[in-house]
PDB file of all heavy atoms in Angstrom:
ATOM      1  N   GLY A   1      17.408 -13.815 -18.545  1.00  0.00           N
ATOM      2  CA  GLY A   1      17.135 -13.494 -19.935  1.00  0.00           C
ATOM      3  C   GLY A   1      16.369 -12.224 -20.179  1.00  0.00           C
ATOM      4  O   GLY A   1      15.897 -11.983 -21.290  1.00  0.00           O
ATOM      5  N   GLU A   2      16.233 -11.347 -19.173  1.00  0.00           N
ATOM      6  CA  GLU A   2      15.511 -10.109 -19.388  1.00  0.00           C
ATOM      7  C   GLU A   2      16.343  -8.913 -18.944  1.00  0.00           C
ATOM      8  O   GLU A   2      17.271  -9.043 -18.148  1.00  0.00           O
ATOM      9  CB  GLU A   2      14.169 -10.110 -18.660  1.00  0.00           C
ATOM     10  CG  GLU A   2      14.261  -9.951 -17.159  1.00  0.00           C
ATOM     11  CD  GLU A   2      12.890  -9.828 -16.493  1.00  0.00           C
ATOM     12  OE1 GLU A   2      11.878  -9.868 -17.218  1.00  0.00           O
ATOM     13  OE2 GLU A   2      12.840  -9.705 -15.262  1.00  0.00           O
ATOM     14  N   THR A   3      15.988  -7.767 -19.472  1.00  0.00           N
ATOM     15  CA  THR A   3      16.610  -6.496 -19.092  1.00  0.00           C
ATOM     16  C   THR A   3      15.581  -5.665 -18.353  1.00  0.00           C
ATOM     17  O   THR A   3      14.456  -5.499 -18.831  1.00  0.00           O
ATOM     18  CB  THR A   3      17.095  -5.720 -20.335  1.00  0.00           C
ATOM     19  OG1 THR A   3      18.035  -6.526 -21.056  1.00  0.00           O
ATOM     20  CG2 THR A   3      17.757  -4.408 -19.928  1.00  0.00           C
ATOM     21  N   VAL A   4      15.948  -5.166 -17.175  1.00  0.00           N
ATOM     22  CA  VAL A   4      15.037  -4.375 -16.359  1.00  0.00           C
ATOM     23  C   VAL A   4      15.592  -2.970 -16.216  1.00  0.00           C
ATOM     24  O   VAL A   4      16.756  -2.782 -15.846  1.00  0.00           O
ATOM     25  CB  VAL A   4      14.842  -5.009 -14.958  1.00  0.00           C
ATOM     26  CG1 VAL A   4      14.008  -4.086 -14.077  1.00  0.00           C
ATOM     27  CG2 VAL A   4      14.165  -6.362 -15.079  1.00  0.00           C
ATOM     28  N   GLY A   5      14.777  -1.975 -16.536  1.00  0.00           N
ATOM     29  CA  GLY A   5      15.176  -0.587 -16.353  1.00  0.00           C
ATOM     30  C   GLY A   5      14.682  -0.064 -15.017  1.00  0.00           C
ATOM     31  O   GLY A   5      13.636  -0.485 -14.516  1.00  0.00           O
ATOM     32  N   ILE A   6      15.448   0.847 -14.417  1.00  0.00           N
ATOM     33  CA  ILE A   6      15.078   1.472 -13.146  1.00  0.00           C
ATOM     34  C   ILE A   6      14.963   2.962 -13.375  1.00  0.00           C
ATOM     35  O   ILE A   6      15.920   3.603 -13.805  1.00  0.00           O
ATOM     36  CB  ILE A   6      16.121   1.186 -12.046  1.00  0.00           C
ATOM     37  CG1 ILE A   6      16.268  -0.321 -11.818  1.00  0.00           C
ATOM     38  CG2 ILE A   6      15.740   1.886 -10.746  1.00  0.00           C
ATOM     39  CD1 ILE A   6      17.366  -0.680 -10.845  1.00  0.00           C
ATOM     40  N   TYR A   7      13.792   3.509 -13.098  1.00  0.00           N
ATOM     41  CA  TYR A   7      13.580   4.940 -13.275  1.00  0.00           C
ATOM     42  C   TYR A   7      12.986   5.511 -11.999  1.00  0.00           C
ATOM     43  O   TYR A   7      11.956   5.042 -11.520  1.00  0.00           O
ATOM     44  CB  TYR A   7      12.635   5.223 -14.437  1.00  0.00           C
ATOM     45  CG  TYR A   7      12.239   6.684 -14.543  1.00  0.00           C
ATOM     46  CD1 TYR A   7      13.190   7.646 -14.879  1.00  0.00           C
ATOM     47  CD2 TYR A   7      10.935   7.086 -14.286  1.00  0.00           C
ATOM     48  CE1 TYR A   7      12.841   8.984 -14.968  1.00  0.00           C
ATOM     49  CE2 TYR A   7      10.579   8.428 -14.368  1.00  0.00           C
ATOM     50  CZ  TYR A   7      11.547   9.370 -14.709  1.00  0.00           C
ATOM     51  OH  TYR A   7      11.198  10.693 -14.788  1.00  0.00           O
ATOM     52  N   VAL A   8      13.661   6.514 -11.435  1.00  0.00           N
ATOM     53  CA  VAL A   8      13.161   7.205 -10.244  1.00  0.00           C
ATOM     54  C   VAL A   8      13.224   8.697 -10.528  1.00  0.00           C
ATOM     55  O   VAL A   8      14.308   9.269 -10.591  1.00  0.00           O
ATOM     56  CB  VAL A   8      13.997   6.868  -8.987  1.00  0.00           C
ATOM     57  CG1 VAL A   8      13.411   7.580  -7.779  1.00  0.00           C
ATOM     58  CG2 VAL A   8      14.042   5.367  -8.753  1.00  0.00           C
ATOM     59  N   PRO A   9      12.082   9.362 -10.768  1.00  0.00           N
ATOM     60  CA  PRO A   9      12.113  10.794 -11.088  1.00  0.00           C
ATOM     61  C   PRO A   9      12.525  11.633  -9.891  1.00  0.00           C
ATOM     62  O   PRO A   9      12.212  11.314  -8.750  1.00  0.00           O
ATOM     63  CB  PRO A   9      10.661  11.097 -11.495  1.00  0.00           C
ATOM     64  CG  PRO A   9       9.860  10.052 -10.785  1.00  0.00           C
ATOM     65  CD  PRO A   9      10.722   8.816 -10.743  1.00  0.00           C
ATOM     66  N   GLY A  10      13.266  12.703 -10.191  1.00  0.00           N
ATOM     67  CA  GLY A  10      13.565  13.713  -9.170  1.00  0.00           C
ATOM     68  C   GLY A  10      14.575  13.298  -8.131  1.00  0.00           C
ATOM     69  O   GLY A  10      14.580  13.821  -7.033  1.00  0.00           O
ATOM     70  N   GLY A  11      15.442  12.359  -8.423  1.00  0.00           N
ATOM     71  CA  GLY A  11      16.434  11.998  -7.422  1.00  0.00           C
ATOM     72  C   GLY A  11      17.405  10.978  -7.951  1.00  0.00           C
ATOM     73  O   GLY A  11      17.332  10.558  -9.102  1.00  0.00           O
ATOM     74  N   ASP A  12      18.320  10.540  -7.113  1.00  0.00           N
ATOM     75  CA  ASP A  12      19.320   9.569  -7.527  1.00  0.00           C
ATOM     76  C   ASP A  12      19.221   8.314  -6.681  1.00  0.00           C
ATOM     77  O   ASP A  12      20.217   7.695  -6.339  1.00  0.00           O
ATOM     78  CB  ASP A  12      20.716  10.184  -7.418  1.00  0.00           C
ATOM     79  CG  ASP A  12      21.727   9.437  -8.288  1.00  0.00           C
ATOM     80  OD1 ASP A  12      21.297   8.807  -9.270  1.00  0.00           O
ATOM     81  OD2 ASP A  12      22.918   9.482  -7.974  1.00  0.00           O
ATOM     82  N   ILE A  13      17.980   7.940  -6.311  1.00  0.00           N
ATOM     83  CA  ILE A  13      17.776   6.757  -5.487  1.00  0.00           C
ATOM     84  C   ILE A  13      18.240   5.510  -6.221  1.00  0.00           C
ATOM     85  O   ILE A  13      18.757   4.572  -5.615  1.00  0.00           O
ATOM     86  CB  ILE A  13      16.284   6.633  -5.099  1.00  0.00           C
ATOM     87  CG1 ILE A  13      15.850   7.876  -4.328  1.00  0.00           C
ATOM     88  CG2 ILE A  13      16.027   5.384  -4.286  1.00  0.00           C
ATOM     89  CD1 ILE A  13      14.362   7.931  -4.052  1.00  0.00           C
ATOM     90  N   LYS A  14      18.072   5.516  -7.540  1.00  0.00           N
ATOM     91  CA  LYS A  14      18.410   4.332  -8.322  1.00  0.00           C
ATOM     92  C   LYS A  14      19.888   3.973  -8.191  1.00  0.00           C
ATOM     93  O   LYS A  14      20.239   2.798  -8.106  1.00  0.00           O
ATOM     94  CB  LYS A  14      18.034   4.530  -9.787  1.00  0.00           C
ATOM     95  CG  LYS A  14      18.605   5.767 -10.444  1.00  0.00           C
ATOM     96  CD  LYS A  14      18.001   5.983 -11.810  1.00  0.00           C
ATOM     97  CE  LYS A  14      18.522   7.253 -12.464  1.00  0.00           C
ATOM     98  NZ  LYS A  14      18.141   8.465 -11.722  1.00  0.00           N
ATOM     99  N   THR A  15      20.755   5.000  -8.161  1.00  0.00           N
ATOM    100  CA  THR A  15      22.184   4.728  -8.017  1.00  0.00           C
ATOM    101  C   THR A  15      22.472   4.115  -6.652  1.00  0.00           C
ATOM    102  O   THR A  15      23.248   3.154  -6.535  1.00  0.00           O
ATOM    103  CB  THR A  15      22.993   6.021  -8.201  1.00  0.00           C
ATOM    104  OG1 THR A  15      22.730   6.556  -9.487  1.00  0.00           O
ATOM    105  CG2 THR A  15      24.485   5.752  -8.052  1.00  0.00           C
ATOM    106  N   GLY A  16      21.857   4.657  -5.601  1.00  0.00           N
ATOM    107  CA  GLY A  16      22.040   4.087  -4.269  1.00  0.00           C
ATOM    108  C   GLY A  16      21.540   2.664  -4.191  1.00  0.00           C
ATOM    109  O   GLY A  16      22.135   1.813  -3.509  1.00  0.00           O
ATOM    110  N   LEU A  17      20.438   2.372  -4.890  1.00  0.00           N
ATOM    111  CA  LEU A  17      19.903   1.006  -4.903  1.00  0.00           C
ATOM    112  C   LEU A  17      20.902   0.033  -5.511  1.00  0.00           C
ATOM    113  O   LEU A  17      21.188  -1.026  -4.938  1.00  0.00           O
ATOM    114  CB  LEU A  17      18.590   0.985  -5.696  1.00  0.00           C
ATOM    115  CG  LEU A  17      17.961  -0.389  -5.924  1.00  0.00           C
ATOM    116  CD1 LEU A  17      17.566  -1.025  -4.600  1.00  0.00           C
ATOM    117  CD2 LEU A  17      16.751  -0.268  -6.843  1.00  0.00           C
ATOM    118  N   ILE A  18      21.451   0.394  -6.654  1.00  0.00           N
ATOM    119  CA  ILE A  18      22.420  -0.482  -7.324  1.00  0.00           C
ATOM    120  C   ILE A  18      23.661  -0.668  -6.467  1.00  0.00           C
ATOM    121  O   ILE A  18      24.191  -1.773  -6.324  1.00  0.00           O
ATOM    122  CB  ILE A  18      22.800   0.090  -8.704  1.00  0.00           C
ATOM    123  CG1 ILE A  18      21.579   0.153  -9.618  1.00  0.00           C
ATOM    124  CG2 ILE A  18      23.895  -0.744  -9.343  1.00  0.00           C
ATOM    125  CD1 ILE A  18      20.927  -1.176  -9.880  1.00  0.00           C
ATOM    126  N   ARG A  19      24.137   0.413  -5.859  1.00  0.00           N
ATOM    127  CA  ARG A  19      25.347   0.322  -5.035  1.00  0.00           C
ATOM    128  C   ARG A  19      25.105  -0.546  -3.802  1.00  0.00           C
ATOM    129  O   ARG A  19      25.997  -1.287  -3.373  1.00  0.00           O
ATOM    130  CB  ARG A  19      25.799   1.736  -4.615  1.00  0.00           C
ATOM    131  CG  ARG A  19      26.382   2.556  -5.750  1.00  0.00           C
ATOM    132  CD  ARG A  19      26.761   3.961  -5.280  1.00  0.00           C
ATOM    133  NE  ARG A  19      27.775   3.920  -4.245  1.00  0.00           N
ATOM    134  CZ  ARG A  19      29.084   3.884  -4.479  1.00  0.00           C
ATOM    135  NH1 ARG A  19      29.534   3.861  -5.718  1.00  0.00           N
ATOM    136  NH2 ARG A  19      29.949   3.864  -3.480  1.00  0.00           N
ATOM    137  N   SER A  20      23.899  -0.485  -3.238  1.00  0.00           N
ATOM    138  CA  SER A  20      23.619  -1.302  -2.058  1.00  0.00           C
ATOM    139  C   SER A  20      23.489  -2.772  -2.424  1.00  0.00           C
ATOM    140  O   SER A  20      23.921  -3.653  -1.678  1.00  0.00           O
ATOM    141  CB  SER A  20      22.345  -0.814  -1.362  1.00  0.00           C
ATOM    142  OG  SER A  20      21.215  -1.014  -2.180  1.00  0.00           O
ATOM    143  N   ILE A  21      22.911  -3.065  -3.590  1.00  0.00           N
ATOM    144  CA  ILE A  21      22.823  -4.455  -4.044  1.00  0.00           C
ATOM    145  C   ILE A  21      24.211  -5.021  -4.270  1.00  0.00           C
ATOM    146  O   ILE A  21      24.520  -6.161  -3.896  1.00  0.00           O
ATOM    147  CB  ILE A  21      21.977  -4.554  -5.328  1.00  0.00           C
ATOM    148  CG1 ILE A  21      20.512  -4.230  -5.031  1.00  0.00           C
ATOM    149  CG2 ILE A  21      22.091  -5.945  -5.943  1.00  0.00           C
ATOM    150  CD1 ILE A  21      19.651  -4.131  -6.272  1.00  0.00           C
ATOM    151  N   PHE A  22      25.067  -4.212  -4.868  1.00  0.00           N
ATOM    152  CA  PHE A  22      26.426  -4.669  -5.169  1.00  0.00           C
ATOM    153  C   PHE A  22      27.273  -4.795  -3.908  1.00  0.00           C
ATOM    154  O   PHE A  22      28.254  -5.527  -3.874  1.00  0.00           O
ATOM    155  CB  PHE A  22      27.083  -3.697  -6.157  1.00  0.00           C
ATOM    156  CG  PHE A  22      28.399  -4.183  -6.703  1.00  0.00           C
ATOM    157  CD1 PHE A  22      28.462  -5.328  -7.481  1.00  0.00           C
ATOM    158  CD2 PHE A  22      29.574  -3.499  -6.441  1.00  0.00           C
ATOM    159  CE1 PHE A  22      29.669  -5.789  -7.984  1.00  0.00           C
ATOM    160  CE2 PHE A  22      30.791  -3.943  -6.942  1.00  0.00           C
ATOM    161  CZ  PHE A  22      30.828  -5.093  -7.718  1.00  0.00           C
ATOM    162  N   GLY A  23      26.892  -4.052  -2.863  1.00  0.00           N
ATOM    163  CA  GLY A  23      27.643  -4.102  -1.618  1.00  0.00           C
ATOM    164  C   GLY A  23      28.536  -2.927  -1.374  1.00  0.00           C
ATOM    165  O   GLY A  23      29.247  -2.873  -0.365  1.00  0.00           O
ATOM    166  N   ASN A  24      28.515  -1.947  -2.280  1.00  0.00           N
ATOM    167  CA  ASN A  24      29.352  -0.761  -2.087  1.00  0.00           C
ATOM    168  C   ASN A  24      28.871   0.088  -0.919  1.00  0.00           C
ATOM    169  O   ASN A  24      29.668   0.672  -0.192  1.00  0.00           O
ATOM    170  CB  ASN A  24      29.350   0.093  -3.362  1.00  0.00           C
ATOM    171  CG  ASN A  24      30.384  -0.380  -4.367  1.00  0.00           C
ATOM    172  OD1 ASN A  24      30.885  -1.476  -4.253  1.00  0.00           O
ATOM    173  ND2 ASN A  24      30.684   0.441  -5.347  1.00  0.00           N
ATOM    174  N   ASP A  25      27.540   0.198  -0.773  1.00  0.00           N
ATOM    175  CA  ASP A  25      26.958   1.020   0.283  1.00  0.00           C
ATOM    176  C   ASP A  25      26.190   0.130   1.259  1.00  0.00           C
ATOM    177  O   ASP A  25      25.546  -0.840   0.839  1.00  0.00           O
ATOM    178  CB  ASP A  25      26.000   2.054  -0.299  1.00  0.00           C
ATOM    179  CG  ASP A  25      26.721   3.100  -1.136  1.00  0.00           C
ATOM    180  OD1 ASP A  25      27.951   3.231  -0.983  1.00  0.00           O
ATOM    181  OD2 ASP A  25      26.064   3.775  -1.938  1.00  0.00           O
ATOM    182  N   PRO A  26      26.236   0.445   2.560  1.00  0.00           N
ATOM    183  CA  PRO A  26      25.487  -0.351   3.538  1.00  0.00           C
ATOM    184  C   PRO A  26      23.985  -0.110   3.416  1.00  0.00           C
ATOM    185  O   PRO A  26      23.548   0.954   2.989  1.00  0.00           O
ATOM    186  CB  PRO A  26      26.026   0.154   4.877  1.00  0.00           C
ATOM    187  CG  PRO A  26      26.455   1.558   4.589  1.00  0.00           C
ATOM    188  CD  PRO A  26      26.983   1.540   3.180  1.00  0.00           C
ATOM    189  N   ARG A  27      23.208  -1.109   3.778  1.00  0.00           N
ATOM    190  CA  ARG A  27      21.757  -0.979   3.799  1.00  0.00           C
ATOM    191  C   ARG A  27      21.309  -0.829   5.242  1.00  0.00           C
ATOM    192  O   ARG A  27      21.761  -1.549   6.127  1.00  0.00           O
ATOM    193  CB  ARG A  27      21.088  -2.212   3.189  1.00  0.00           C
ATOM    194  CG  ARG A  27      21.491  -2.487   1.765  1.00  0.00           C
ATOM    195  CD  ARG A  27      20.602  -3.568   1.138  1.00  0.00           C
ATOM    196  NE  ARG A  27      20.529  -4.799   1.891  1.00  0.00           N
ATOM    197  CZ  ARG A  27      21.425  -5.776   1.850  1.00  0.00           C
ATOM    198  NH1 ARG A  27      22.492  -5.613   1.086  1.00  0.00           N
ATOM    199  NH2 ARG A  27      21.282  -6.878   2.544  1.00  0.00           N
ATOM    200  N   ASN A  28      20.377   0.093   5.477  1.00  0.00           N
ATOM    201  CA  ASN A  28      19.837   0.262   6.826  1.00  0.00           C
ATOM    202  C   ASN A  28      18.847  -0.831   7.175  1.00  0.00           C
ATOM    203  O   ASN A  28      18.717  -1.238   8.329  1.00  0.00           O
ATOM    204  CB  ASN A  28      19.160   1.631   6.949  1.00  0.00           C
ATOM    205  CG  ASN A  28      20.151   2.773   6.807  1.00  0.00           C
ATOM    206  OD1 ASN A  28      21.298   2.637   7.219  1.00  0.00           O
ATOM    207  ND2 ASN A  28      19.722   3.871   6.218  1.00  0.00           N
ATOM    208  N   SER A  29      18.112  -1.299   6.184  1.00  0.00           N
ATOM    209  CA  SER A  29      17.133  -2.365   6.411  1.00  0.00           C
ATOM    210  C   SER A  29      16.789  -2.998   5.074  1.00  0.00           C
ATOM    211  O   SER A  29      17.130  -2.474   4.015  1.00  0.00           O
ATOM    212  CB  SER A  29      15.862  -1.799   7.061  1.00  0.00           C
ATOM    213  OG  SER A  29      15.242  -0.867   6.208  1.00  0.00           O
ATOM    214  N   GLY A  30      16.109  -4.120   5.139  1.00  0.00           N
ATOM    215  CA  GLY A  30      15.669  -4.797   3.928  1.00  0.00           C
ATOM    216  C   GLY A  30      16.665  -5.832   3.453  1.00  0.00           C
ATOM    217  O   GLY A  30      17.881  -5.675   3.611  1.00  0.00           O
ATOM    218  N   ASP A  31      16.134  -6.900   2.893  1.00  0.00           N
ATOM    219  CA  ASP A  31      16.965  -7.986   2.374  1.00  0.00           C
ATOM    220  C   ASP A  31      16.621  -8.218   0.912  1.00  0.00           C
ATOM    221  O   ASP A  31      15.547  -7.885   0.442  1.00  0.00           O
ATOM    222  CB  ASP A  31      16.713  -9.277   3.166  1.00  0.00           C
ATOM    223  CG  ASP A  31      17.109  -9.145   4.637  1.00  0.00           C
ATOM    224  OD1 ASP A  31      18.249  -8.720   4.886  1.00  0.00           O
ATOM    225  OD2 ASP A  31      16.276  -9.450   5.502  1.00  0.00           O
ATOM    226  N   TYR A  32      17.541  -8.800   0.200  1.00  0.00           N
ATOM    227  CA  TYR A  32      17.260  -9.227  -1.156  1.00  0.00           C
ATOM    228  C   TYR A  32      17.793 -10.638  -1.323  1.00  0.00           C
ATOM    229  O   TYR A  32      18.603 -11.124  -0.516  1.00  0.00           O
ATOM    230  CB  TYR A  32      17.873  -8.273  -2.184  1.00  0.00           C
ATOM    231  CG  TYR A  32      19.385  -8.258  -2.228  1.00  0.00           C
ATOM    232  CD1 TYR A  32      20.071  -9.037  -3.150  1.00  0.00           C
ATOM    233  CD2 TYR A  32      20.133  -7.458  -1.374  1.00  0.00           C
ATOM    234  CE1 TYR A  32      21.453  -9.024  -3.216  1.00  0.00           C
ATOM    235  CE2 TYR A  32      21.512  -7.419  -1.430  1.00  0.00           C
ATOM    236  CZ  TYR A  32      22.167  -8.211  -2.353  1.00  0.00           C
ATOM    237  OH  TYR A  32      23.528  -8.204  -2.414  1.00  0.00           O
ATOM    238  N   SER A  33      17.324 -11.316  -2.345  1.00  0.00           N
ATOM    239  CA  SER A  33      17.730 -12.705  -2.538  1.00  0.00           C
ATOM    240  C   SER A  33      18.189 -12.922  -3.966  1.00  0.00           C
ATOM    241  O   SER A  33      17.741 -12.250  -4.898  1.00  0.00           O
ATOM    242  CB  SER A  33      16.565 -13.645  -2.213  1.00  0.00           C
ATOM    243  OG  SER A  33      15.461 -13.397  -3.053  1.00  0.00           O
ATOM    244  N   ILE A  34      19.111 -13.867  -4.122  1.00  0.00           N
ATOM    245  CA  ILE A  34      19.604 -14.290  -5.430  1.00  0.00           C
ATOM    246  C   ILE A  34      19.347 -15.780  -5.560  1.00  0.00           C
ATOM    247  O   ILE A  34      19.770 -16.572  -4.699  1.00  0.00           O
ATOM    248  CB  ILE A  34      21.104 -13.964  -5.597  1.00  0.00           C
ATOM    249  CG1 ILE A  34      21.312 -12.438  -5.577  1.00  0.00           C
ATOM    250  CG2 ILE A  34      21.635 -14.556  -6.897  1.00  0.00           C
ATOM    251  CD1 ILE A  34      22.751 -12.016  -5.738  1.00  0.00           C
ATOM    252  N   PHE A  35      18.602 -16.136  -6.608  1.00  0.00           N
ATOM    253  CA  PHE A  35      18.180 -17.528  -6.808  1.00  0.00           C
ATOM    254  C   PHE A  35      17.507 -18.090  -5.557  1.00  0.00           C
ATOM    255  O   PHE A  35      17.673 -19.263  -5.203  1.00  0.00           O
ATOM    256  CB  PHE A  35      19.366 -18.410  -7.213  1.00  0.00           C
ATOM    257  CG  PHE A  35      19.918 -18.091  -8.577  1.00  0.00           C
ATOM    258  CD1 PHE A  35      21.139 -17.456  -8.710  1.00  0.00           C
ATOM    259  CD2 PHE A  35      19.200 -18.416  -9.726  1.00  0.00           C
ATOM    260  CE1 PHE A  35      21.652 -17.158  -9.975  1.00  0.00           C
ATOM    261  CE2 PHE A  35      19.703 -18.114 -10.982  1.00  0.00           C
ATOM    262  CZ  PHE A  35      20.919 -17.486 -11.110  1.00  0.00           C
ATOM    263  N   GLY A  36      16.754 -17.224  -4.865  1.00  0.00           N
ATOM    264  CA  GLY A  36      15.999 -17.668  -3.705  1.00  0.00           C
ATOM    265  C   GLY A  36      16.754 -17.660  -2.402  1.00  0.00           C
ATOM    266  O   GLY A  36      16.165 -17.906  -1.333  1.00  0.00           O
ATOM    267  N   PHE A  37      18.035 -17.361  -2.434  1.00  0.00           N
ATOM    268  CA  PHE A  37      18.852 -17.365  -1.223  1.00  0.00           C
ATOM    269  C   PHE A  37      18.989 -15.926  -0.697  1.00  0.00           C
ATOM    270  O   PHE A  37      19.413 -15.037  -1.430  1.00  0.00           O
ATOM    271  CB  PHE A  37      20.241 -17.951  -1.464  1.00  0.00           C
ATOM    272  CG  PHE A  37      20.215 -19.421  -1.808  1.00  0.00           C
ATOM    273  CD1 PHE A  37      20.249 -19.822  -3.139  1.00  0.00           C
ATOM    274  CD2 PHE A  37      20.149 -20.375  -0.805  1.00  0.00           C
ATOM    275  CE1 PHE A  37      20.222 -21.173  -3.463  1.00  0.00           C
ATOM    276  CE2 PHE A  37      20.132 -21.711  -1.120  1.00  0.00           C
ATOM    277  CZ  PHE A  37      20.156 -22.132  -2.456  1.00  0.00           C
ATOM    278  N   LYS A  38      18.615 -15.706   0.580  1.00  0.00           N
ATOM    279  CA  LYS A  38      18.713 -14.378   1.152  1.00  0.00           C
ATOM    280  C   LYS A  38      20.180 -13.988   1.313  1.00  0.00           C
ATOM    281  O   LYS A  38      21.000 -14.771   1.817  1.00  0.00           O
ATOM    282  CB  LYS A  38      18.035 -14.354   2.533  1.00  0.00           C
ATOM    283  CG  LYS A  38      17.940 -12.970   3.145  1.00  0.00           C
ATOM    284  CD  LYS A  38      17.193 -12.995   4.468  1.00  0.00           C
ATOM    285  CE  LYS A  38      15.737 -13.314   4.249  1.00  0.00           C
ATOM    286  NZ  LYS A  38      14.958 -13.210   5.511  1.00  0.00           N
ATOM    287  N   MET A  39      20.517 -12.763   0.877  1.00  0.00           N
ATOM    288  CA  MET A  39      21.899 -12.299   0.891  1.00  0.00           C
ATOM    289  C   MET A  39      22.143 -11.435   2.115  1.00  0.00           C
ATOM    290  O   MET A  39      21.328 -10.586   2.471  1.00  0.00           O
ATOM    291  CB  MET A  39      22.194 -11.483  -0.377  1.00  0.00           C
ATOM    292  CG  MET A  39      21.934 -12.240  -1.673  1.00  0.00           C
ATOM    293  SD  MET A  39      22.914 -13.775  -1.795  1.00  0.00           S
ATOM    294  CE  MET A  39      24.555 -13.080  -1.918  1.00  0.00           C
ATOM    295  N   ARG A  40      23.252 -11.664   2.757  1.00  0.00           N
ATOM    296  CA  ARG A  40      23.619 -10.875   3.922  1.00  0.00           C
ATOM    297  C   ARG A  40      24.287  -9.580   3.463  1.00  0.00           C
ATOM    298  O   ARG A  40      24.779  -9.460   2.351  1.00  0.00           O
ATOM    299  CB  ARG A  40      24.593 -11.652   4.808  1.00  0.00           C
ATOM    300  CG  ARG A  40      25.918 -11.976   4.121  1.00  0.00           C
ATOM    301  CD  ARG A  40      26.834 -12.779   5.059  1.00  0.00           C
ATOM    302  NE  ARG A  40      28.072 -13.172   4.406  1.00  0.00           N
ATOM    303  CZ  ARG A  40      29.131 -12.397   4.269  1.00  0.00           C
ATOM    304  NH1 ARG A  40      29.088 -11.151   4.753  1.00  0.00           N
ATOM    305  NH2 ARG A  40      30.216 -12.822   3.681  1.00  0.00           N
ATOM    306  N   VAL A  41      24.297  -8.607   4.372  1.00  0.00           N
ATOM    307  CA  VAL A  41      24.983  -7.350   4.110  1.00  0.00           C
ATOM    308  C   VAL A  41      26.474  -7.569   4.106  1.00  0.00           C
ATOM    309  O   VAL A  41      27.013  -8.230   4.992  1.00  0.00           O
ATOM    310  CB  VAL A  41      24.611  -6.293   5.180  1.00  0.00           C
ATOM    311  CG1 VAL A  41      25.394  -5.012   4.936  1.00  0.00           C
ATOM    312  CG2 VAL A  41      23.103  -6.025   5.159  1.00  0.00           C
ATOM    313  N   GLY A  42      27.163  -7.040   3.120  1.00  0.00           N
ATOM    314  CA  GLY A  42      28.617  -7.228   3.081  1.00  0.00           C
ATOM    315  C   GLY A  42      29.215  -6.503   1.893  1.00  0.00           C
ATOM    316  O   GLY A  42      28.508  -5.923   1.073  1.00  0.00           O
ATOM    317  N   PRO A  43      30.549  -6.524   1.790  1.00  0.00           N
ATOM    318  CA  PRO A  43      31.232  -5.839   0.696  1.00  0.00           C
ATOM    319  C   PRO A  43      31.054  -6.596  -0.618  1.00  0.00           C
ATOM    320  O   PRO A  43      30.581  -7.731  -0.627  1.00  0.00           O
ATOM    321  CB  PRO A  43      32.702  -5.842   1.145  1.00  0.00           C
ATOM    322  CG  PRO A  43      32.795  -7.072   2.001  1.00  0.00           C
ATOM    323  CD  PRO A  43      31.490  -7.180   2.717  1.00  0.00           C
ATOM    324  N   PRO A  44      31.463  -5.962  -1.758  1.00  0.00           N
ATOM    325  CA  PRO A  44      31.297  -6.623  -3.052  1.00  0.00           C
ATOM    326  C   PRO A  44      31.942  -7.990  -3.125  1.00  0.00           C
ATOM    327  O   PRO A  44      31.411  -8.886  -3.774  1.00  0.00           O
ATOM    328  CB  PRO A  44      31.984  -5.630  -4.026  1.00  0.00           C
ATOM    329  CG  PRO A  44      31.866  -4.315  -3.367  1.00  0.00           C
ATOM    330  CD  PRO A  44      31.966  -4.588  -1.895  1.00  0.00           C
TER     331      PRO A  44
END
């Protein structure tokens, strides 16, 4: 129920972040979770 804005001055890190969450780009490290479940690296 909320909207979150992402602002990164002086670069395009935000686009890479979104693409890595979606699975378009590989992640070198780090995990994220959806509804508490850790998500593996993979395609969209």
